[in-house]
All heavy atoms as atom14 arrays in JSON, in Angstrom:
{
  "sequence": "GKDREFVAAIGWTAGLIDYSDSVKGRFTISR",
  "atom14_mask": [
    [1, 1, 1, 1, 0, 0, 0, 0, 0, 0, 0, 0, 0, 0],
    [1, 1, 1, 1, 1, 1, 1, 1, 1, 0, 0, 0, 0, 0],
    [1, 1, 1, 1, 1, 1, 1, 1, 0, 0, 0, 0, 0, 0],
    [1, 1, 1, 1, 1, 1, 1, 1, 1, 1, 1, 0, 0, 0],
    [1, 1, 1, 1, 1, 1, 1, 1, 1, 0, 0, 0, 0, 0],
    [1, 1, 1, 1, 1, 1, 1, 1, 1, 1, 1, 0, 0, 0],
    [1, 1, 1, 1, 1, 1, 1, 0, 0, 0, 0, 0, 0, 0],
    [1, 1, 1, 1, 1, 0, 0, 0, 0, 0, 0, 0, 0, 0],
    [1, 1, 1, 1, 1, 0, 0, 0, 0, 0, 0, 0, 0, 0],
    [1, 1, 1, 1, 1, 1, 1, 1, 0, 0, 0, 0, 0, 0],
    [1, 1, 1, 1, 0, 0, 0, 0, 0, 0, 0, 0, 0, 0],
    [1, 1, 1, 1, 1, 1, 1, 1, 1, 1, 1, 1, 1, 1],
    [1, 1, 1, 1, 1, 1, 1, 0, 0, 0, 0, 0, 0, 0],
    [1, 1, 1, 1, 1, 0, 0, 0, 0, 0, 0, 0, 0, 0],
    [1, 1, 1, 1, 0, 0, 0, 0, 0, 0, 0, 0, 0, 0],
    [1, 1, 1, 1, 1, 1, 1, 1, 0, 0, 0, 0, 0, 0],
    [1, 1, 1, 1, 1, 1, 1, 1, 0, 0, 0, 0, 0, 0],
    [1, 1, 1, 1, 1, 1, 1, 1, 0, 0, 0, 0, 0, 0],
    [1, 1, 1, 1, 1, 1, 1, 1, 1, 1, 1, 1, 0, 0],
    [1, 1, 1, 1, 1, 1, 0, 0, 0, 0, 0, 0, 0, 0],
    [1, 1, 1, 1, 1, 1, 1, 1, 0, 0, 0, 0, 0, 0],
    [1, 1, 1, 1, 1, 1, 0, 0, 0, 0, 0, 0, 0, 0],
    [1, 1, 1, 1, 1, 1, 1, 0, 0, 0, 0, 0, 0, 0],
    [1, 1, 1, 1, 1, 1, 1, 1, 1, 0, 0, 0, 0, 0],
    [1, 1, 1, 1, 0, 0, 0, 0, 0, 0, 0, 0, 0, 0],
    [1, 1, 1, 1, 1, 1, 1, 1, 1, 1, 1, 0, 0, 0],
    [1, 1, 1, 1, 1, 1, 1, 1, 1, 1, 1, 0, 0, 0],
    [1, 1, 1, 1, 1, 1, 1, 0, 0, 0, 0, 0, 0, 0],
    [1, 1, 1, 1, 1, 1, 1, 1, 0, 0, 0, 0, 0, 0],
    [1, 1, 1, 1, 1, 1, 0, 0, 0, 0, 0, 0, 0, 0],
    [1, 1, 1, 1, 1, 1, 1, 1, 1, 1, 1, 0, 0, 0]
  ],
  "atom14_positions": [
    [[2.82, -14.79, -14.91], [1.68, -14.76, -15.81], [0.63, -13.72, -15.49], [-0.41, -13.68, -16.15], [0.0, 0.0, 0.0], [0.0, 0.0, 0.0], [0.0, 0.0, 0.0], [0.0, 0.0, 0.0], [0.0, 0.0, 0.0], [0.0, 0.0, 0.0], [0.0, 0.0, 0.0], [0.0, 0.0, 0.0], [0.0, 0.0, 0.0], [0.0, 0.0, 0.0]],
    [[0.89, -12.88, -14.5], [-0.07, -11.87, -14.12], [0.53, -10.47, -14.22], [1.75, -10.3, -14.26], [-0.56, -12.1, -12.68], [-1.3, -13.41, -12.48], [-1.82, -13.54, -11.05], [-2.58, -14.83, -10.86], [-3.09, -14.96, -9.46], [0.0, 0.0, 0.0], [0.0, 0.0, 0.0], [0.0, 0.0, 0.0], [0.0, 0.0, 0.0], [0.0, 0.0, 0.0]],
    [[-0.34, -9.48, -14.29], [0.12, -8.1, -14.33], [0.65, -7.66, -12.98], [0.26, -8.19, -11.93], [-1.03, -7.17, -14.75], [-1.49, -7.38, -16.18], [-0.68, -7.84, -17.01], [-2.66, -7.06, -16.47], [0.0, 0.0, 0.0], [0.0, 0.0, 0.0], [0.0, 0.0, 0.0], [0.0, 0.0, 0.0], [0.0, 0.0, 0.0], [0.0, 0.0, 0.0]],
    [[1.52, -6.68, -13.01], [1.98, -6.09, -11.77], [0.82, -5.37, -11.1], [0.04, -4.67, -11.75], [3.13, -5.12, -12.05], [3.74, -4.49, -10.81], [4.95, -3.64, -11.18], [6.02, -4.47, -11.74], [7.19, -3.98, -12.15], [7.45, -2.69, -12.05], [8.1, -4.8, -12.65], [0.0, 0.0, 0.0], [0.0, 0.0, 0.0], [0.0, 0.0, 0.0]],
    [[0.7, -5.54, -9.79], [-0.4, -4.94, -9.08], [0.09, -4.09, -7.91], [1.11, -4.38, -7.29], [-1.4, -6.0, -8.58], [-0.84, -6.94, -7.53], [-1.9, -7.88, -6.97], [-3.1, -7.63, -7.19], [-1.51, -8.86, -6.31], [0.0, 0.0, 0.0], [0.0, 0.0, 0.0], [0.0, 0.0, 0.0], [0.0, 0.0, 0.0], [0.0, 0.0, 0.0]],
    [[-0.68, -3.09, -7.61], [-0.39, -2.2, -6.5], [-0.6, -2.91, -5.17], [-1.56, -3.67, -5.01], [-1.3, -0.97, -6.59], [-1.3, -0.1, -5.37], [-0.3, 0.84, -5.17], [-2.31, -0.21, -4.43], [-0.3, 1.65, -4.06], [-2.32, 0.6, -3.31], [-1.3, 1.53, -3.13], [0.0, 0.0, 0.0], [0.0, 0.0, 0.0], [0.0, 0.0, 0.0]],
    [[0.29, -2.65, -4.22], [0.16, -3.21, -2.88], [-0.06, -2.1, -1.86], [-1.05, -2.11, -1.12], [1.4, -4.04, -2.49], [1.29, -4.5, -1.03], [1.56, -5.23, -3.42], [0.0, 0.0, 0.0], [0.0, 0.0, 0.0], [0.0, 0.0, 0.0], [0.0, 0.0, 0.0], [0.0, 0.0, 0.0], [0.0, 0.0, 0.0], [0.0, 0.0, 0.0]],
    [[0.85, -1.14, -1.8], [0.76, -0.08, -0.8], [1.61, 1.1, -1.23], [2.57, 0.95, -1.99], [1.2, -0.58, 0.58], [0.0, 0.0, 0.0], [0.0, 0.0, 0.0], [0.0, 0.0, 0.0], [0.0, 0.0, 0.0], [0.0, 0.0, 0.0], [0.0, 0.0, 0.0], [0.0, 0.0, 0.0], [0.0, 0.0, 0.0], [0.0, 0.0, 0.0]],
    [[1.29, 2.28, -0.72], [2.07, 3.47, -1.0], [2.03, 4.39, 0.21], [1.05, 4.42, 0.96], [1.56, 4.2, -2.24], [0.0, 0.0, 0.0], [0.0, 0.0, 0.0], [0.0, 0.0, 0.0], [0.0, 0.0, 0.0], [0.0, 0.0, 0.0], [0.0, 0.0, 0.0], [0.0, 0.0, 0.0], [0.0, 0.0, 0.0], [0.0, 0.0, 0.0]],
    [[3.09, 5.16, 0.37], [3.16, 6.16, 1.43], [3.75, 7.42, 0.84], [4.79, 7.4, 0.19], [3.97, 5.64, 2.64], [4.0, 6.68, 3.76], [5.38, 5.22, 2.23], [4.52, 6.11, 5.08], [0.0, 0.0, 0.0], [0.0, 0.0, 0.0], [0.0, 0.0, 0.0], [0.0, 0.0, 0.0], [0.0, 0.0, 0.0], [0.0, 0.0, 0.0]],
    [[3.07, 8.53, 1.04], [3.5, 9.8, 0.5], [4.4, 10.56, 1.44], [4.7, 10.12, 2.56], [0.0, 0.0, 0.0], [0.0, 0.0, 0.0], [0.0, 0.0, 0.0], [0.0, 0.0, 0.0], [0.0, 0.0, 0.0], [0.0, 0.0, 0.0], [0.0, 0.0, 0.0], [0.0, 0.0, 0.0], [0.0, 0.0, 0.0], [0.0, 0.0, 0.0]],
    [[4.84, 11.73, 0.98], [5.72, 12.56, 1.79], [4.97, 13.17, 2.97], [5.53, 13.28, 4.06], [6.32, 13.67, 0.92], [7.22, 14.59, 1.66], [8.49, 14.35, 2.08], [6.92, 15.93, 2.08], [9.0, 15.44, 2.73], [8.07, 16.44, 2.74], [5.8, 16.76, 1.95], [8.11, 17.72, 3.28], [5.84, 18.04, 2.48], [6.99, 18.5, 3.13]],
    [[3.74, 13.55, 2.76], [2.93, 14.14, 3.82], [2.39, 13.05, 4.73], [1.88, 12.03, 4.27], [1.77, 14.95, 3.22], [2.29, 15.96, 2.36], [0.95, 15.59, 4.32], [0.0, 0.0, 0.0], [0.0, 0.0, 0.0], [0.0, 0.0, 0.0], [0.0, 0.0, 0.0], [0.0, 0.0, 0.0], [0.0, 0.0, 0.0], [0.0, 0.0, 0.0]],
    [[2.53, 13.26, 6.01], [2.03, 12.3, 6.99], [0.55, 12.06, 6.77], [-0.23, 12.98, 6.55], [2.27, 12.81, 8.4], [0.0, 0.0, 0.0], [0.0, 0.0, 0.0], [0.0, 0.0, 0.0], [0.0, 0.0, 0.0], [0.0, 0.0, 0.0], [0.0, 0.0, 0.0], [0.0, 0.0, 0.0], [0.0, 0.0, 0.0], [0.0, 0.0, 0.0]],
    [[0.16, 10.79, 6.83], [-1.22, 10.43, 6.65], [-1.6, 10.0, 5.25], [-2.68, 9.44, 5.06], [0.0, 0.0, 0.0], [0.0, 0.0, 0.0], [0.0, 0.0, 0.0], [0.0, 0.0, 0.0], [0.0, 0.0, 0.0], [0.0, 0.0, 0.0], [0.0, 0.0, 0.0], [0.0, 0.0, 0.0], [0.0, 0.0, 0.0], [0.0, 0.0, 0.0]],
    [[-0.72, 10.26, 4.28], [-1.0, 9.83, 2.9], [-0.5, 8.4, 2.73], [0.64, 8.17, 2.35], [-0.35, 10.77, 1.9], [-0.98, 12.16, 1.77], [-0.19, 13.01, 0.79], [-2.42, 12.05, 1.33], [0.0, 0.0, 0.0], [0.0, 0.0, 0.0], [0.0, 0.0, 0.0], [0.0, 0.0, 0.0], [0.0, 0.0, 0.0], [0.0, 0.0, 0.0]],
    [[-1.36, 7.47, 3.02], [-1.06, 6.05, 2.93], [-2.21, 5.35, 2.23], [-3.38, 5.68, 2.48], [-0.81, 5.43, 4.32], [0.4, 6.07, 4.99], [-0.64, 3.92, 4.22], [0.67, 5.56, 6.39], [0.0, 0.0, 0.0], [0.0, 0.0, 0.0], [0.0, 0.0, 0.0], [0.0, 0.0, 0.0], [0.0, 0.0, 0.0], [0.0, 0.0, 0.0]],
    [[-1.89, 4.41, 1.38], [-2.91, 3.69, 0.63], [-2.54, 2.21, 0.59], [-1.37, 1.87, 0.41], [-3.01, 4.27, -0.79], [-4.21, 3.75, -1.56], [-5.17, 3.27, -0.93], [-4.19, 3.85, -2.8], [0.0, 0.0, 0.0], [0.0, 0.0, 0.0], [0.0, 0.0, 0.0], [0.0, 0.0, 0.0], [0.0, 0.0, 0.0], [0.0, 0.0, 0.0]],
    [[-3.53, 1.35, 0.75], [-3.35, -0.09, 0.66], [-4.36, -0.69, -0.29], [-5.51, -0.23, -0.36], [-3.54, -0.77, 2.02], [-2.55, -0.4, 3.08], [-2.86, 0.55, 4.05], [-1.3, -1.02, 3.14], [-1.95, 0.89, 5.04], [-0.39, -0.68, 4.13], [-0.72, 0.27, 5.08], [0.18, 0.59, 6.06], [0.0, 0.0, 0.0], [0.0, 0.0, 0.0]],
    [[-3.96, -1.71, -1.0], [-4.92, -2.46, -1.78], [-5.84, -3.22, -0.83], [-5.46, -3.56, 0.3], [-4.22, -3.44, -2.73], [-3.57, -4.47, -2.01], [0.0, 0.0, 0.0], [0.0, 0.0, 0.0], [0.0, 0.0, 0.0], [0.0, 0.0, 0.0], [0.0, 0.0, 0.0], [0.0, 0.0, 0.0], [0.0, 0.0, 0.0], [0.0, 0.0, 0.0]],
    [[-7.05, -3.5, -1.28], [-8.0, -4.19, -0.42], [-7.5, -5.59, -0.03], [-7.82, -6.07, 1.06], [-9.35, -4.32, -1.13], [-10.08, -2.99, -1.25], [-9.75, -2.05, -0.5], [-10.98, -2.89, -2.1], [0.0, 0.0, 0.0], [0.0, 0.0, 0.0], [0.0, 0.0, 0.0], [0.0, 0.0, 0.0], [0.0, 0.0, 0.0], [0.0, 0.0, 0.0]],
    [[-6.72, -6.21, -0.88], [-6.27, -7.57, -0.62], [-5.27, -7.67, 0.53], [-5.11, -8.74, 1.11], [-5.67, -8.18, -1.88], [-4.53, -7.47, -2.31], [0.0, 0.0, 0.0], [0.0, 0.0, 0.0], [0.0, 0.0, 0.0], [0.0, 0.0, 0.0], [0.0, 0.0, 0.0], [0.0, 0.0, 0.0], [0.0, 0.0, 0.0], [0.0, 0.0, 0.0]],
    [[-4.6, -6.56, 0.87], [-3.6, -6.6, 1.94], [-3.97, -5.73, 3.13], [-3.3, -5.8, 4.16], [-2.21, -6.19, 1.42], [-1.82, -7.03, 0.22], [-2.15, -4.7, 1.1], [0.0, 0.0, 0.0], [0.0, 0.0, 0.0], [0.0, 0.0, 0.0], [0.0, 0.0, 0.0], [0.0, 0.0, 0.0], [0.0, 0.0, 0.0], [0.0, 0.0, 0.0]],
    [[-5.0, -4.93, 3.01], [-5.38, -4.02, 4.09], [-5.66, -4.81, 5.36], [-6.37, -5.82, 5.35], [-6.61, -3.21, 3.68], [-6.98, -2.1, 4.67], [-8.15, -1.27, 4.15], [-7.8, -0.55, 2.87], [-8.92, 0.32, 2.39], [0.0, 0.0, 0.0], [0.0, 0.0, 0.0], [0.0, 0.0, 0.0], [0.0, 0.0, 0.0], [0.0, 0.0, 0.0]],
    [[-5.08, -4.36, 6.46], [-5.23, -5.03, 7.74], [-4.18, -6.08, 8.0], [-4.03, -6.52, 9.15], [0.0, 0.0, 0.0], [0.0, 0.0, 0.0], [0.0, 0.0, 0.0], [0.0, 0.0, 0.0], [0.0, 0.0, 0.0], [0.0, 0.0, 0.0], [0.0, 0.0, 0.0], [0.0, 0.0, 0.0], [0.0, 0.0, 0.0], [0.0, 0.0, 0.0]],
    [[-3.43, -6.48, 6.98], [-2.39, -7.49, 7.13], [-0.99, -6.92, 6.89], [-0.03, -7.35, 7.52], [-2.61, -8.66, 6.18], [-3.93, -9.39, 6.39], [-4.0, -10.66, 5.53], [-3.97, -10.36, 4.11], [-3.03, -10.79, 3.26], [-2.03, -11.55, 3.71], [-3.1, -10.49, 1.98], [0.0, 0.0, 0.0], [0.0, 0.0, 0.0], [0.0, 0.0, 0.0]],
    [[-0.89, -5.97, 5.97], [0.4, -5.37, 5.61], [0.47, -3.95, 6.14], [-0.55, -3.24, 6.21], [0.58, -5.33, 4.09], [0.77, -6.67, 3.42], [0.52, -7.85, 4.08], [1.21, -6.71, 2.11], [0.69, -9.08, 3.46], [1.39, -7.93, 1.47], [1.13, -9.11, 2.14], [0.0, 0.0, 0.0], [0.0, 0.0, 0.0], [0.0, 0.0, 0.0]],
    [[1.67, -3.51, 6.47], [1.91, -2.15, 6.93], [3.11, -1.57, 6.2], [4.19, -2.17, 6.22], [2.15, -2.1, 8.44], [1.03, -2.65, 9.14], [2.35, -0.65, 8.9], [0.0, 0.0, 0.0], [0.0, 0.0, 0.0], [0.0, 0.0, 0.0], [0.0, 0.0, 0.0], [0.0, 0.0, 0.0], [0.0, 0.0, 0.0], [0.0, 0.0, 0.0]],
    [[2.93, -0.42, 5.58], [4.03, 0.27, 4.92], [4.53, 1.39, 5.83], [3.73, 2.05, 6.51], [3.6, 0.83, 3.54], [4.8, 1.41, 2.79], [2.49, 1.86, 3.68], [4.49, 1.8, 1.34], [0.0, 0.0, 0.0], [0.0, 0.0, 0.0], [0.0, 0.0, 0.0], [0.0, 0.0, 0.0], [0.0, 0.0, 0.0], [0.0, 0.0, 0.0]],
    [[5.83, 1.59, 5.85], [6.41, 2.65, 6.65], [7.68, 3.15, 5.96], [8.2, 2.5, 5.05], [6.72, 2.18, 8.08], [7.65, 1.12, 8.08], [0.0, 0.0, 0.0], [0.0, 0.0, 0.0], [0.0, 0.0, 0.0], [0.0, 0.0, 0.0], [0.0, 0.0, 0.0], [0.0, 0.0, 0.0], [0.0, 0.0, 0.0], [0.0, 0.0, 0.0]],
    [[8.15, 4.3, 6.38], [9.36, 4.88, 5.81], [10.22, 5.47, 6.9], [9.72, 5.99, 7.9], [9.01, 5.94, 4.75], [8.24, 7.13, 5.3], [7.72, 8.04, 4.18], [8.79, 8.72, 3.48], [8.62, 9.42, 2.36], [7.41, 9.51, 1.8], [9.65, 10.02, 1.77], [0.0, 0.0, 0.0], [0.0, 0.0, 0.0], [0.0, 0.0, 0.0]]
  ]
}
């Protein structure tokens, strides 16, 4: 019943990482 929401992303260039405020500090994205 809810819209799809962004959680985290990681770009090709090192250091380009983004987290939603709701998961920041709890979730970690890696590749």
